[in-house]
């Protein structure tokens, strides 16, 4: 598994920086966003360092599928029962702030702060 010692999300995945974790296995970690846009806003992050969607290849297909597939149960576990939104920001113009691929999953009663 490739990691970047200077990457915020690699440090969170390694347990070097604390997070409000909601899920973890050998491939991904999920935790609450520190600046939520919605009542429930989690990030699902691969443990291997992939800078952005631009760097995704066919070898990442199962990993990306897993990220999407675990999100319904995580949202249900967090009490979100009336819908949610998935967002992956890519690159500067896509407003990606942390250069490590991550899936935002946001839900809960409206209105939301953003989105």
N, C-alpha and C. Protein backbone atom coordinates (compact mmCIF):
# COMPACT_ATOMS: atom_id res chain seq x y z
N UNK A 1 0.85 -1.19 0.00
CA UNK A 1 0.00 0.00 0.00
C UNK A 1 0.89 1.24 0.00
N UNK A 2 0.65 2.12 -0.95
CA UNK A 2 1.42 3.36 -1.07
C UNK A 2 0.83 4.43 -0.15
N UNK A 3 1.68 5.09 0.63
CA UNK A 3 1.25 6.22 1.46
C UNK A 3 2.20 7.38 1.24
N UNK A 4 1.74 8.57 1.60
CA UNK A 4 2.55 9.78 1.50
C UNK A 4 2.75 10.31 2.92
N UNK A 5 3.99 10.35 3.42
CA UNK A 5 4.21 10.77 4.81
C UNK A 5 3.82 12.21 5.11
N UNK A 6 3.60 13.02 4.07
CA UNK A 6 3.21 14.41 4.27
C UNK A 6 1.71 14.65 4.09
N UNK A 7 0.96 13.58 3.78
CA UNK A 7 -0.47 13.71 3.48
C UNK A 7 -1.32 13.63 4.75
N UNK A 8 -2.20 14.60 4.93
CA UNK A 8 -3.10 14.64 6.07
C UNK A 8 -3.93 13.36 6.19
N UNK A 9 -4.54 12.91 5.08
CA UNK A 9 -5.40 11.73 5.16
C UNK A 9 -4.59 10.45 5.35
N UNK A 10 -3.38 10.37 4.84
CA UNK A 10 -2.53 9.21 5.12
C UNK A 10 -2.20 9.16 6.61
N UNK A 11 -1.97 10.32 7.22
CA UNK A 11 -1.68 10.39 8.66
C UNK A 11 -2.91 9.98 9.48
N UNK A 12 -4.08 10.39 9.06
CA UNK A 12 -5.31 9.99 9.75
C UNK A 12 -5.49 8.47 9.63
N UNK A 13 -5.31 7.94 8.42
CA UNK A 13 -5.46 6.49 8.20
C UNK A 13 -4.47 5.69 9.04
N UNK A 14 -3.29 6.25 9.26
CA UNK A 14 -2.25 5.57 10.05
C UNK A 14 -2.45 5.75 11.55
N UNK A 15 -3.43 6.56 11.94
CA UNK A 15 -3.68 6.79 13.36
C UNK A 15 -2.77 7.84 13.98
N UNK A 16 -2.03 8.58 13.16
CA UNK A 16 -1.12 9.61 13.66
C UNK A 16 -1.84 10.91 14.01
N UNK A 17 -3.01 11.10 13.40
CA UNK A 17 -3.86 12.27 13.68
C UNK A 17 -5.23 11.72 14.05
N UNK A 18 -5.81 12.19 15.15
CA UNK A 18 -7.11 11.65 15.56
C UNK A 18 -8.24 12.09 14.62
N UNK A 19 -9.28 11.26 14.57
CA UNK A 19 -10.47 11.58 13.80
C UNK A 19 -11.67 10.97 14.52
N UNK A 20 -12.85 11.42 14.14
CA UNK A 20 -14.09 10.82 14.66
C UNK A 20 -14.49 9.71 13.69
N UNK A 21 -13.83 8.59 13.84
CA UNK A 21 -13.95 7.46 12.92
C UNK A 21 -15.32 6.79 13.05
N UNK A 22 -15.89 6.43 11.88
CA UNK A 22 -17.15 5.69 11.86
C UNK A 22 -16.99 4.31 11.23
N UNK A 23 -15.86 4.08 10.55
CA UNK A 23 -15.63 2.79 9.90
C UNK A 23 -14.15 2.67 9.55
N UNK A 24 -13.65 1.44 9.62
CA UNK A 24 -12.28 1.18 9.16
C UNK A 24 -12.13 -0.30 8.85
N UNK A 25 -11.42 -0.57 7.76
CA UNK A 25 -10.99 -1.92 7.44
C UNK A 25 -9.59 -1.82 6.84
N UNK A 26 -9.11 -2.86 6.17
CA UNK A 26 -7.75 -2.84 5.64
C UNK A 26 -7.56 -1.87 4.47
N UNK A 27 -8.66 -1.50 3.80
CA UNK A 27 -8.55 -0.68 2.60
C UNK A 27 -9.01 0.77 2.74
N UNK A 28 -9.98 1.01 3.62
CA UNK A 28 -10.56 2.35 3.73
C UNK A 28 -10.78 2.74 5.19
N UNK A 29 -10.90 4.03 5.38
CA UNK A 29 -11.30 4.58 6.68
C UNK A 29 -12.39 5.62 6.40
N UNK A 30 -13.36 5.73 7.29
CA UNK A 30 -14.42 6.73 7.16
C UNK A 30 -14.51 7.49 8.47
N UNK A 31 -14.65 8.81 8.37
CA UNK A 31 -14.70 9.64 9.57
C UNK A 31 -15.50 10.91 9.29
N UNK A 32 -15.94 11.56 10.36
CA UNK A 32 -16.70 12.80 10.23
C UNK A 32 -15.80 13.92 9.72
N UNK A 33 -16.35 14.72 8.81
CA UNK A 33 -15.65 15.90 8.29
C UNK A 33 -15.52 16.93 9.41
N UNK A 34 -14.36 17.59 9.50
CA UNK A 34 -14.17 18.59 10.57
C UNK A 34 -14.87 19.91 10.27
N UNK A 35 -15.29 20.11 9.01
CA UNK A 35 -16.03 21.32 8.64
C UNK A 35 -17.27 20.89 7.85
N UNK A 36 -18.26 20.30 8.53
CA UNK A 36 -19.40 19.70 7.82
C UNK A 36 -20.28 20.71 7.11
N UNK A 37 -20.78 20.30 5.95
CA UNK A 37 -21.74 21.09 5.17
C UNK A 37 -23.16 20.67 5.45
N UNK A 38 -23.33 19.52 6.10
CA UNK A 38 -24.66 18.95 6.35
C UNK A 38 -24.67 18.38 7.77
N UNK A 39 -25.84 18.10 8.33
CA UNK A 39 -25.90 17.55 9.68
C UNK A 39 -25.06 16.28 9.85
N UNK A 40 -25.02 15.44 8.82
CA UNK A 40 -24.13 14.28 8.80
C UNK A 40 -23.25 14.43 7.57
N UNK A 41 -21.94 14.50 7.78
CA UNK A 41 -20.98 14.69 6.67
C UNK A 41 -19.75 13.87 6.99
N UNK A 42 -19.62 12.75 6.29
CA UNK A 42 -18.47 11.89 6.51
C UNK A 42 -17.60 11.86 5.25
N UNK A 43 -16.36 11.47 5.45
CA UNK A 43 -15.43 11.25 4.35
C UNK A 43 -15.06 9.78 4.34
N UNK A 44 -15.08 9.16 3.17
CA UNK A 44 -14.60 7.80 3.01
C UNK A 44 -13.31 7.90 2.21
N UNK A 45 -12.22 7.41 2.81
CA UNK A 45 -10.88 7.65 2.29
C UNK A 45 -10.15 6.32 2.10
N UNK A 46 -9.58 6.09 0.91
CA UNK A 46 -8.76 4.89 0.75
C UNK A 46 -7.47 5.03 1.56
N UNK A 47 -7.00 3.93 2.12
CA UNK A 47 -5.76 3.98 2.89
C UNK A 47 -4.54 4.11 2.00
N UNK A 48 -4.63 3.64 0.78
CA UNK A 48 -3.54 3.84 -0.15
C UNK A 48 -3.64 5.26 -0.71
N UNK A 49 -2.49 5.90 -0.90
CA UNK A 49 -2.49 7.29 -1.36
C UNK A 49 -2.75 7.35 -2.86
N UNK A 50 -3.90 7.91 -3.20
CA UNK A 50 -4.26 8.23 -4.58
C UNK A 50 -4.55 9.73 -4.54
N UNK A 51 -3.79 10.51 -5.26
CA UNK A 51 -3.90 11.97 -5.14
C UNK A 51 -5.27 12.50 -5.53
N UNK A 52 -5.86 11.99 -6.60
CA UNK A 52 -7.18 12.47 -7.03
C UNK A 52 -7.77 11.48 -8.03
N UNK A 53 -8.97 11.75 -8.49
CA UNK A 53 -9.61 10.91 -9.50
C UNK A 53 -8.78 10.85 -10.78
N UNK A 54 -7.98 11.87 -11.04
CA UNK A 54 -7.13 11.89 -12.23
C UNK A 54 -6.17 10.71 -12.21
N UNK A 55 -5.81 10.25 -11.03
CA UNK A 55 -4.83 9.17 -10.88
C UNK A 55 -5.46 7.78 -10.78
N UNK A 56 -6.77 7.70 -10.86
CA UNK A 56 -7.47 6.42 -10.76
C UNK A 56 -7.27 5.63 -12.06
N UNK A 57 -7.01 4.33 -11.89
CA UNK A 57 -6.87 3.42 -13.03
C UNK A 57 -7.82 2.24 -12.81
N UNK A 58 -7.83 1.34 -13.77
CA UNK A 58 -8.67 0.16 -13.67
C UNK A 58 -8.36 -0.66 -12.42
N UNK A 59 -7.12 -0.62 -11.94
CA UNK A 59 -6.76 -1.38 -10.74
C UNK A 59 -7.48 -0.88 -9.50
N UNK A 60 -8.03 0.32 -9.53
CA UNK A 60 -8.73 0.90 -8.38
C UNK A 60 -10.24 0.64 -8.42
N UNK A 61 -10.71 -0.06 -9.42
CA UNK A 61 -12.16 -0.26 -9.60
C UNK A 61 -12.83 -0.86 -8.36
N UNK A 62 -12.28 -1.91 -7.82
CA UNK A 62 -12.89 -2.56 -6.65
C UNK A 62 -12.86 -1.64 -5.44
N UNK A 63 -11.78 -0.91 -5.27
CA UNK A 63 -11.66 0.01 -4.13
C UNK A 63 -12.71 1.12 -4.21
N UNK A 64 -12.87 1.71 -5.38
CA UNK A 64 -13.87 2.77 -5.54
C UNK A 64 -15.29 2.21 -5.37
N UNK A 65 -15.51 1.00 -5.88
CA UNK A 65 -16.81 0.36 -5.68
C UNK A 65 -17.10 0.12 -4.21
N UNK A 66 -16.08 -0.30 -3.48
CA UNK A 66 -16.24 -0.52 -2.05
C UNK A 66 -16.61 0.78 -1.34
N UNK A 67 -15.95 1.88 -1.69
CA UNK A 67 -16.24 3.17 -1.06
C UNK A 67 -17.71 3.53 -1.24
N UNK A 68 -18.23 3.32 -2.45
CA UNK A 68 -19.64 3.61 -2.71
C UNK A 68 -20.55 2.61 -2.00
N UNK A 69 -20.16 1.34 -2.01
CA UNK A 69 -21.02 0.28 -1.47
C UNK A 69 -21.17 0.33 0.05
N UNK A 70 -20.17 0.83 0.77
CA UNK A 70 -20.30 0.89 2.23
C UNK A 70 -21.08 2.12 2.69
N UNK A 71 -21.22 3.12 1.84
CA UNK A 71 -21.85 4.37 2.26
C UNK A 71 -23.30 4.23 2.70
N UNK A 72 -24.16 3.42 2.07
CA UNK A 72 -25.54 3.33 2.54
C UNK A 72 -25.65 2.83 3.99
N UNK A 73 -24.87 1.82 4.34
CA UNK A 73 -24.95 1.30 5.71
C UNK A 73 -24.40 2.32 6.71
N UNK A 74 -23.32 3.01 6.33
CA UNK A 74 -22.77 4.02 7.24
C UNK A 74 -23.78 5.13 7.50
N UNK A 75 -24.45 5.59 6.44
CA UNK A 75 -25.44 6.65 6.63
C UNK A 75 -26.62 6.16 7.46
N UNK A 76 -27.06 4.94 7.22
CA UNK A 76 -28.14 4.37 8.03
C UNK A 76 -27.70 4.28 9.50
N UNK A 77 -26.48 3.81 9.74
CA UNK A 77 -25.95 3.73 11.10
C UNK A 77 -25.90 5.09 11.78
N UNK A 78 -25.72 6.15 10.98
CA UNK A 78 -25.64 7.51 11.52
C UNK A 78 -26.99 8.20 11.55
N UNK A 79 -28.06 7.46 11.24
CA UNK A 79 -29.42 7.99 11.37
C UNK A 79 -29.95 8.71 10.16
N UNK A 80 -29.26 8.64 9.04
CA UNK A 80 -29.73 9.32 7.83
C UNK A 80 -30.65 8.35 7.08
N UNK A 81 -31.92 8.70 7.01
CA UNK A 81 -32.91 7.80 6.41
C UNK A 81 -33.70 8.44 5.27
N UNK A 82 -33.44 9.72 4.98
CA UNK A 82 -34.24 10.41 3.97
C UNK A 82 -33.40 10.91 2.79
N UNK A 83 -32.29 10.24 2.53
CA UNK A 83 -31.45 10.60 1.39
C UNK A 83 -30.15 11.27 1.78
N UNK A 84 -29.21 11.20 0.86
CA UNK A 84 -27.89 11.77 1.08
C UNK A 84 -27.23 12.03 -0.27
N UNK A 85 -26.09 12.67 -0.23
CA UNK A 85 -25.40 13.10 -1.44
C UNK A 85 -23.96 12.59 -1.41
N UNK A 86 -23.45 12.15 -2.57
CA UNK A 86 -22.05 11.75 -2.73
C UNK A 86 -21.34 12.81 -3.56
N UNK A 87 -20.12 13.20 -3.14
CA UNK A 87 -19.34 14.19 -3.89
C UNK A 87 -17.87 13.79 -3.84
N UNK A 88 -17.23 13.82 -5.00
CA UNK A 88 -15.77 13.69 -5.07
C UNK A 88 -15.26 14.91 -5.82
N UNK A 89 -14.53 15.76 -5.13
CA UNK A 89 -13.92 16.93 -5.75
C UNK A 89 -12.59 16.50 -6.36
N UNK A 90 -12.29 17.00 -7.57
CA UNK A 90 -11.08 16.59 -8.27
C UNK A 90 -10.31 17.80 -8.77
N UNK A 91 -9.08 17.94 -8.30
CA UNK A 91 -8.20 19.00 -8.77
C UNK A 91 -8.58 20.38 -8.27
N UNK A 92 -7.76 21.34 -8.65
CA UNK A 92 -7.94 22.72 -8.19
C UNK A 92 -9.30 23.29 -8.61
N UNK A 93 -9.63 23.17 -9.89
CA UNK A 93 -10.90 23.72 -10.37
C UNK A 93 -12.10 22.96 -9.82
N UNK A 94 -11.90 21.71 -9.41
CA UNK A 94 -12.96 20.92 -8.79
C UNK A 94 -13.05 21.14 -7.29
N UNK A 95 -12.23 22.07 -6.78
CA UNK A 95 -12.21 22.45 -5.36
C UNK A 95 -11.75 21.34 -4.42
N UNK A 96 -10.83 20.52 -4.91
CA UNK A 96 -10.24 19.50 -4.04
C UNK A 96 -9.25 20.19 -3.12
N UNK A 97 -9.47 20.09 -1.81
CA UNK A 97 -8.62 20.77 -0.84
C UNK A 97 -7.49 19.88 -0.33
N UNK A 98 -7.77 18.61 -0.09
CA UNK A 98 -6.74 17.67 0.37
C UNK A 98 -6.39 16.79 -0.82
N UNK A 99 -5.11 16.74 -1.16
CA UNK A 99 -4.66 16.01 -2.34
C UNK A 99 -4.54 14.51 -2.05
N UNK A 100 -5.65 13.93 -1.64
CA UNK A 100 -5.80 12.50 -1.42
C UNK A 100 -7.26 12.21 -1.74
N UNK A 101 -7.50 11.33 -2.69
CA UNK A 101 -8.87 11.00 -3.10
C UNK A 101 -9.74 10.73 -1.88
N UNK A 102 -10.93 11.32 -1.85
CA UNK A 102 -11.87 11.07 -0.76
C UNK A 102 -13.29 11.32 -1.25
N UNK A 103 -14.21 10.54 -0.70
CA UNK A 103 -15.62 10.62 -1.04
C UNK A 103 -16.37 11.29 0.10
N UNK A 104 -17.00 12.42 -0.18
CA UNK A 104 -17.87 13.08 0.80
C UNK A 104 -19.24 12.41 0.72
N UNK A 105 -19.81 12.07 1.86
CA UNK A 105 -21.18 11.57 1.91
C UNK A 105 -21.91 12.45 2.91
N UNK A 106 -22.94 13.16 2.44
CA UNK A 106 -23.62 14.17 3.25
C UNK A 106 -25.12 13.90 3.28
N UNK A 107 -25.71 14.05 4.46
CA UNK A 107 -27.15 13.86 4.59
C UNK A 107 -27.69 14.48 5.85
N UNK A 108 -28.96 14.26 6.06
CA UNK A 108 -29.64 14.82 7.23
C UNK A 108 -30.62 15.88 6.80
N UNK A 109 -31.40 16.36 7.76
CA UNK A 109 -32.45 17.33 7.45
C UNK A 109 -31.91 18.61 6.81
N UNK A 110 -32.67 19.13 5.89
CA UNK A 110 -32.35 20.43 5.25
C UNK A 110 -32.86 21.55 6.14
N UNK A 111 -32.34 22.76 6.04
CA UNK A 111 -31.32 23.19 5.08
C UNK A 111 -29.92 22.82 5.55
N UNK A 112 -29.03 22.63 4.58
CA UNK A 112 -27.63 22.37 4.85
C UNK A 112 -26.84 23.66 4.74
N UNK A 113 -25.69 23.69 5.37
CA UNK A 113 -24.81 24.86 5.30
C UNK A 113 -24.45 25.17 3.85
N UNK A 114 -24.08 24.14 3.10
CA UNK A 114 -23.72 24.29 1.69
C UNK A 114 -24.27 23.09 0.94
N UNK A 115 -24.19 23.16 -0.39
CA UNK A 115 -24.57 22.01 -1.22
C UNK A 115 -26.04 21.91 -1.40
